[in-house]
Amino acid sequence: MAGGFTNVAMAAVEAGWKPEDVASAMVELADHMMLGVIANRDLDQDLSILRRR
């Protein structure tokens, strides 16, 4: 995964992004992904409870 991460970061820098902006954007993307994972997990738990009724 580290190789892919580096490839994306380098491509963004080559496209004109500042390294600091790339790092910030990637952190924000990771944060949003984690929030989505948590939301999906919570939804799955809620649906499981509702299906038992």
PDB file of N, CA and C in Angstrom:
ATOM      1  N   MET A   1       0.815  -1.178   0.000  1.00  0.00           N
ATOM      2  CA  MET A   1       0.000   0.000   0.000  1.00  0.00           C
ATOM      3  C   MET A   1       0.868   1.254   0.000  1.00  0.00           C
ATOM      4  N   ALA A   2       2.015   1.184   0.628  1.00  0.00           N
ATOM      5  CA  ALA A   2       2.897   2.354   0.696  1.00  0.00           C
ATOM      6  C   ALA A   2       3.348   2.790  -0.700  1.00  0.00           C
ATOM      7  N   GLY A   3       3.595   1.821  -1.564  1.00  0.00           N
ATOM      8  CA  GLY A   3       4.014   2.154  -2.926  1.00  0.00           C
ATOM      9  C   GLY A   3       2.936   2.908  -3.680  1.00  0.00           C
ATOM     10  N   GLY A   4       1.703   2.449  -3.563  1.00  0.00           N
ATOM     11  CA  GLY A   4       0.585   3.126  -4.215  1.00  0.00           C
ATOM     12  C   GLY A   4       0.375   4.519  -3.662  1.00  0.00           C
ATOM     13  N   PHE A   5       0.509   4.644  -2.358  1.00  0.00           N
ATOM     14  CA  PHE A   5       0.380   5.938  -1.682  1.00  0.00           C
ATOM     15  C   PHE A   5       1.424   6.910  -2.228  1.00  0.00           C
ATOM     16  N   THR A   6       2.655   6.442  -2.321  1.00  0.00           N
ATOM     17  CA  THR A   6       3.741   7.277  -2.830  1.00  0.00           C
ATOM     18  C   THR A   6       3.509   7.650  -4.284  1.00  0.00           C
ATOM     19  N   ASN A   7       3.029   6.695  -5.070  1.00  0.00           N
ATOM     20  CA  ASN A   7       2.759   6.971  -6.486  1.00  0.00           C
ATOM     21  C   ASN A   7       1.712   8.062  -6.657  1.00  0.00           C
ATOM     22  N   VAL A   8       0.652   8.000  -5.876  1.00  0.00           N
ATOM     23  CA  VAL A   8      -0.390   9.024  -5.957  1.00  0.00           C
ATOM     24  C   VAL A   8       0.179  10.375  -5.538  1.00  0.00           C
ATOM     25  N   ALA A   9       0.931  10.385  -4.446  1.00  0.00           N
ATOM     26  CA  ALA A   9       1.515  11.641  -3.953  1.00  0.00           C
ATOM     27  C   ALA A   9       2.463  12.237  -4.992  1.00  0.00           C
ATOM     28  N   MET A  10       3.300  11.420  -5.572  1.00  0.00           N
ATOM     29  CA  MET A  10       4.257  11.920  -6.566  1.00  0.00           C
ATOM     30  C   MET A  10       3.539  12.426  -7.818  1.00  0.00           C
ATOM     31  N   ALA A  11       2.473  11.738  -8.223  1.00  0.00           N
ATOM     32  CA  ALA A  11       1.711  12.182  -9.389  1.00  0.00           C
ATOM     33  C   ALA A  11       1.078  13.544  -9.126  1.00  0.00           C
ATOM     34  N   ALA A  12       0.598  13.755  -7.915  1.00  0.00           N
ATOM     35  CA  ALA A  12       0.001  15.049  -7.571  1.00  0.00           C
ATOM     36  C   ALA A  12       1.058  16.152  -7.589  1.00  0.00           C
ATOM     37  N   VAL A  13       2.238  15.857  -7.057  1.00  0.00           N
ATOM     38  CA  VAL A  13       3.329  16.845  -7.073  1.00  0.00           C
ATOM     39  C   VAL A  13       3.724  17.152  -8.516  1.00  0.00           C
ATOM     40  N   GLU A  14       3.836  16.121  -9.336  1.00  0.00           N
ATOM     41  CA  GLU A  14       4.184  16.327 -10.741  1.00  0.00           C
ATOM     42  C   GLU A  14       3.114  17.126 -11.479  1.00  0.00           C
ATOM     43  N   ALA A  15       1.868  17.044 -11.001  1.00  0.00           N
ATOM     44  CA  ALA A  15       0.773  17.803 -11.620  1.00  0.00           C
ATOM     45  C   ALA A  15       0.727  19.248 -11.121  1.00  0.00           C
ATOM     46  N   GLY A  16       1.642  19.588 -10.207  1.00  0.00           N
ATOM     47  CA  GLY A  16       1.718  20.970  -9.764  1.00  0.00           C
ATOM     48  C   GLY A  16       1.297  21.238  -8.328  1.00  0.00           C
ATOM     49  N   TRP A  17       0.894  20.211  -7.611  1.00  0.00           N
ATOM     50  CA  TRP A  17       0.513  20.399  -6.215  1.00  0.00           C
ATOM     51  C   TRP A  17       1.759  20.585  -5.357  1.00  0.00           C
ATOM     52  N   LYS A  18       1.633  21.380  -4.320  1.00  0.00           N
ATOM     53  CA  LYS A  18       2.713  21.512  -3.345  1.00  0.00           C
ATOM     54  C   LYS A  18       2.697  20.262  -2.460  1.00  0.00           C
ATOM     55  N   PRO A  19       3.880  19.752  -2.082  1.00  0.00           N
ATOM     56  CA  PRO A  19       3.916  18.546  -1.244  1.00  0.00           C
ATOM     57  C   PRO A  19       3.073  18.670   0.032  1.00  0.00           C
ATOM     58  N   GLU A  20       3.055  19.859   0.632  1.00  0.00           N
ATOM     59  CA  GLU A  20       2.268  20.059   1.850  1.00  0.00           C
ATOM     60  C   GLU A  20       0.774  19.908   1.564  1.00  0.00           C
ATOM     61  N   ASP A  21       0.345  20.405   0.402  1.00  0.00           N
ATOM     62  CA  ASP A  21      -1.061  20.283   0.028  1.00  0.00           C
ATOM     63  C   ASP A  21      -1.434  18.834  -0.280  1.00  0.00           C
ATOM     64  N   VAL A  22      -0.510  18.121  -0.892  1.00  0.00           N
ATOM     65  CA  VAL A  22      -0.741  16.699  -1.176  1.00  0.00           C
ATOM     66  C   VAL A  22      -0.919  15.940   0.130  1.00  0.00           C
ATOM     67  N   ALA A  23      -0.013  16.172   1.068  1.00  0.00           N
ATOM     68  CA  ALA A  23      -0.082  15.476   2.350  1.00  0.00           C
ATOM     69  C   ALA A  23      -1.388  15.806   3.067  1.00  0.00           C
ATOM     70  N   SER A  24      -1.763  17.069   3.060  1.00  0.00           N
ATOM     71  CA  SER A  24      -2.996  17.491   3.715  1.00  0.00           C
ATOM     72  C   SER A  24      -4.213  16.836   3.068  1.00  0.00           C
ATOM     73  N   ALA A  25      -4.245  16.820   1.748  1.00  0.00           N
ATOM     74  CA  ALA A  25      -5.371  16.219   1.031  1.00  0.00           C
ATOM     75  C   ALA A  25      -5.461  14.725   1.313  1.00  0.00           C
ATOM     76  N   MET A  26      -4.319  14.058   1.378  1.00  0.00           N
ATOM     77  CA  MET A  26      -4.332  12.613   1.617  1.00  0.00           C
ATOM     78  C   MET A  26      -4.780  12.292   3.042  1.00  0.00           C
ATOM     79  N   VAL A  27      -4.401  13.133   3.989  1.00  0.00           N
ATOM     80  CA  VAL A  27      -4.872  12.944   5.365  1.00  0.00           C
ATOM     81  C   VAL A  27      -6.383  13.130   5.417  1.00  0.00           C
ATOM     82  N   GLU A  28      -6.884  14.150   4.728  1.00  0.00           N
ATOM     83  CA  GLU A  28      -8.325  14.409   4.715  1.00  0.00           C
ATOM     84  C   GLU A  28      -9.076  13.262   4.053  1.00  0.00           C
ATOM     85  N   LEU A  29      -8.530  12.733   2.959  1.00  0.00           N
ATOM     86  CA  LEU A  29      -9.158  11.585   2.306  1.00  0.00           C
ATOM     87  C   LEU A  29      -9.197  10.375   3.221  1.00  0.00           C
ATOM     88  N   ALA A  30      -8.107  10.122   3.932  1.00  0.00           N
ATOM     89  CA  ALA A  30      -8.067   8.998   4.864  1.00  0.00           C
ATOM     90  C   ALA A  30      -9.089   9.187   5.977  1.00  0.00           C
ATOM     91  N   ASP A  31      -9.218  10.417   6.463  1.00  0.00           N
ATOM     92  CA  ASP A  31     -10.185  10.706   7.518  1.00  0.00           C
ATOM     93  C   ASP A  31     -11.603  10.439   7.019  1.00  0.00           C
ATOM     94  N   HIS A  32     -11.911  10.901   5.820  1.00  0.00           N
ATOM     95  CA  HIS A  32     -13.246  10.677   5.268  1.00  0.00           C
ATOM     96  C   HIS A  32     -13.503   9.190   5.037  1.00  0.00           C
ATOM     97  N   MET A  33     -12.484   8.473   4.622  1.00  0.00           N
ATOM     98  CA  MET A  33     -12.647   7.030   4.429  1.00  0.00           C
ATOM     99  C   MET A  33     -12.962   6.349   5.747  1.00  0.00           C
ATOM    100  N   MET A  34     -12.248   6.740   6.810  1.00  0.00           N
ATOM    101  CA  MET A  34     -12.493   6.143   8.121  1.00  0.00           C
ATOM    102  C   MET A  34     -13.896   6.458   8.613  1.00  0.00           C
ATOM    103  N   LEU A  35     -14.342   7.694   8.417  1.00  0.00           N
ATOM    104  CA  LEU A  35     -15.703   8.053   8.816  1.00  0.00           C
ATOM    105  C   LEU A  35     -16.736   7.218   8.054  1.00  0.00           C
ATOM    106  N   GLY A  36     -16.475   6.952   6.780  1.00  0.00           N
ATOM    107  CA  GLY A  36     -17.363   6.104   5.993  1.00  0.00           C
ATOM    108  C   GLY A  36     -17.378   4.675   6.489  1.00  0.00           C
ATOM    109  N   VAL A  37     -16.216   4.162   6.841  1.00  0.00           N
ATOM    110  CA  VAL A  37     -16.123   2.794   7.380  1.00  0.00           C
ATOM    111  C   VAL A  37     -16.925   2.691   8.673  1.00  0.00           C
ATOM    112  N   ILE A  38     -16.774   3.671   9.541  1.00  0.00           N
ATOM    113  CA  ILE A  38     -17.504   3.670  10.817  1.00  0.00           C
ATOM    114  C   ILE A  38     -19.007   3.773  10.569  1.00  0.00           C
ATOM    115  N   ALA A  39     -19.412   4.670   9.676  1.00  0.00           N
ATOM    116  CA  ALA A  39     -20.839   4.834   9.382  1.00  0.00           C
ATOM    117  C   ALA A  39     -21.423   3.546   8.815  1.00  0.00           C
ATOM    118  N   ASN A  40     -20.701   2.892   7.920  1.00  0.00           N
ATOM    119  CA  ASN A  40     -21.184   1.637   7.335  1.00  0.00           C
ATOM    120  C   ASN A  40     -21.276   0.543   8.387  1.00  0.00           C
ATOM    121  N   ARG A  41     -20.297   0.484   9.280  1.00  0.00           N
ATOM    122  CA  ARG A  41     -20.323  -0.515  10.357  1.00  0.00           C
ATOM    123  C   ARG A  41     -21.537  -0.282  11.247  1.00  0.00           C
ATOM    124  N   ASP A  42     -21.771   0.974  11.610  1.00  0.00           N
ATOM    125  CA  ASP A  42     -22.913   1.293  12.462  1.00  0.00           C
ATOM    126  C   ASP A  42     -24.232   0.961  11.767  1.00  0.00           C
ATOM    127  N   LEU A  43     -24.320   1.267  10.483  1.00  0.00           N
ATOM    128  CA  LEU A  43     -25.529   0.950   9.728  1.00  0.00           C
ATOM    129  C   LEU A  43     -25.747  -0.556   9.676  1.00  0.00           C
ATOM    130  N   ASP A  44     -24.693  -1.317   9.431  1.00  0.00           N
ATOM    131  CA  ASP A  44     -24.811  -2.777   9.403  1.00  0.00           C
ATOM    132  C   ASP A  44     -25.302  -3.309  10.743  1.00  0.00           C
ATOM    133  N   GLN A  45     -24.808  -2.748  11.840  1.00  0.00           N
ATOM    134  CA  GLN A  45     -25.255  -3.181  13.170  1.00  0.00           C
ATOM    135  C   GLN A  45     -26.720  -2.842  13.373  1.00  0.00           C
ATOM    136  N   ASP A  46     -27.123  -1.643  12.994  1.00  0.00           N
ATOM    137  CA  ASP A  46     -28.530  -1.236  13.137  1.00  0.00           C
ATOM    138  C   ASP A  46     -29.449  -2.122  12.299  1.00  0.00           C
ATOM    139  N   LEU A  47     -29.052  -2.411  11.071  1.00  0.00           N
ATOM    140  CA  LEU A  47     -29.873  -3.262  10.205  1.00  0.00           C
ATOM    141  C   LEU A  47     -29.965  -4.671  10.763  1.00  0.00           C
ATOM    142  N   SER A  48     -28.886  -5.163  11.323  1.00  0.00           N
ATOM    143  CA  SER A  48     -28.899  -6.494  11.922  1.00  0.00           C
ATOM    144  C   SER A  48     -29.899  -6.567  13.070  1.00  0.00           C
ATOM    145  N   ILE A  49     -29.944  -5.529  13.870  1.00  0.00           N
ATOM    146  CA  ILE A  49     -30.899  -5.479  14.987  1.00  0.00           C
ATOM    147  C   ILE A  49     -32.323  -5.443  14.457  1.00  0.00           C
ATOM    148  N   LEU A  50     -32.561  -4.628  13.441  1.00  0.00           N
ATOM    149  CA  LEU A  50     -33.907  -4.521  12.885  1.00  0.00           C
ATOM    150  C   LEU A  50     -34.369  -5.818  12.232  1.00  0.00           C
ATOM    151  N   ARG A  51     -33.451  -6.554  11.642  1.00  0.00           N
ATOM    152  CA  ARG A  51     -33.812  -7.823  10.976  1.00  0.00           C
ATOM    153  C   ARG A  51     -34.237  -8.889  11.984  1.00  0.00           C
ATOM    154  N   ARG A  52     -33.735  -8.779  13.206  1.00  0.00           N
ATOM    155  CA  ARG A  52     -34.073  -9.759  14.248  1.00  0.00           C
ATOM    156  C   ARG A  52     -35.481  -9.568  14.777  1.00  0.00           C
ATOM    157  N   ARG A  53     -36.063  -8.408  14.501  1.00  0.00           N
ATOM    158  CA  ARG A  53     -37.396  -8.112  15.072  1.00  0.00           C
ATOM    159  C   ARG A  53     -38.496  -8.730  14.273  1.00  0.00           C
TER     160      ARG A  53
END
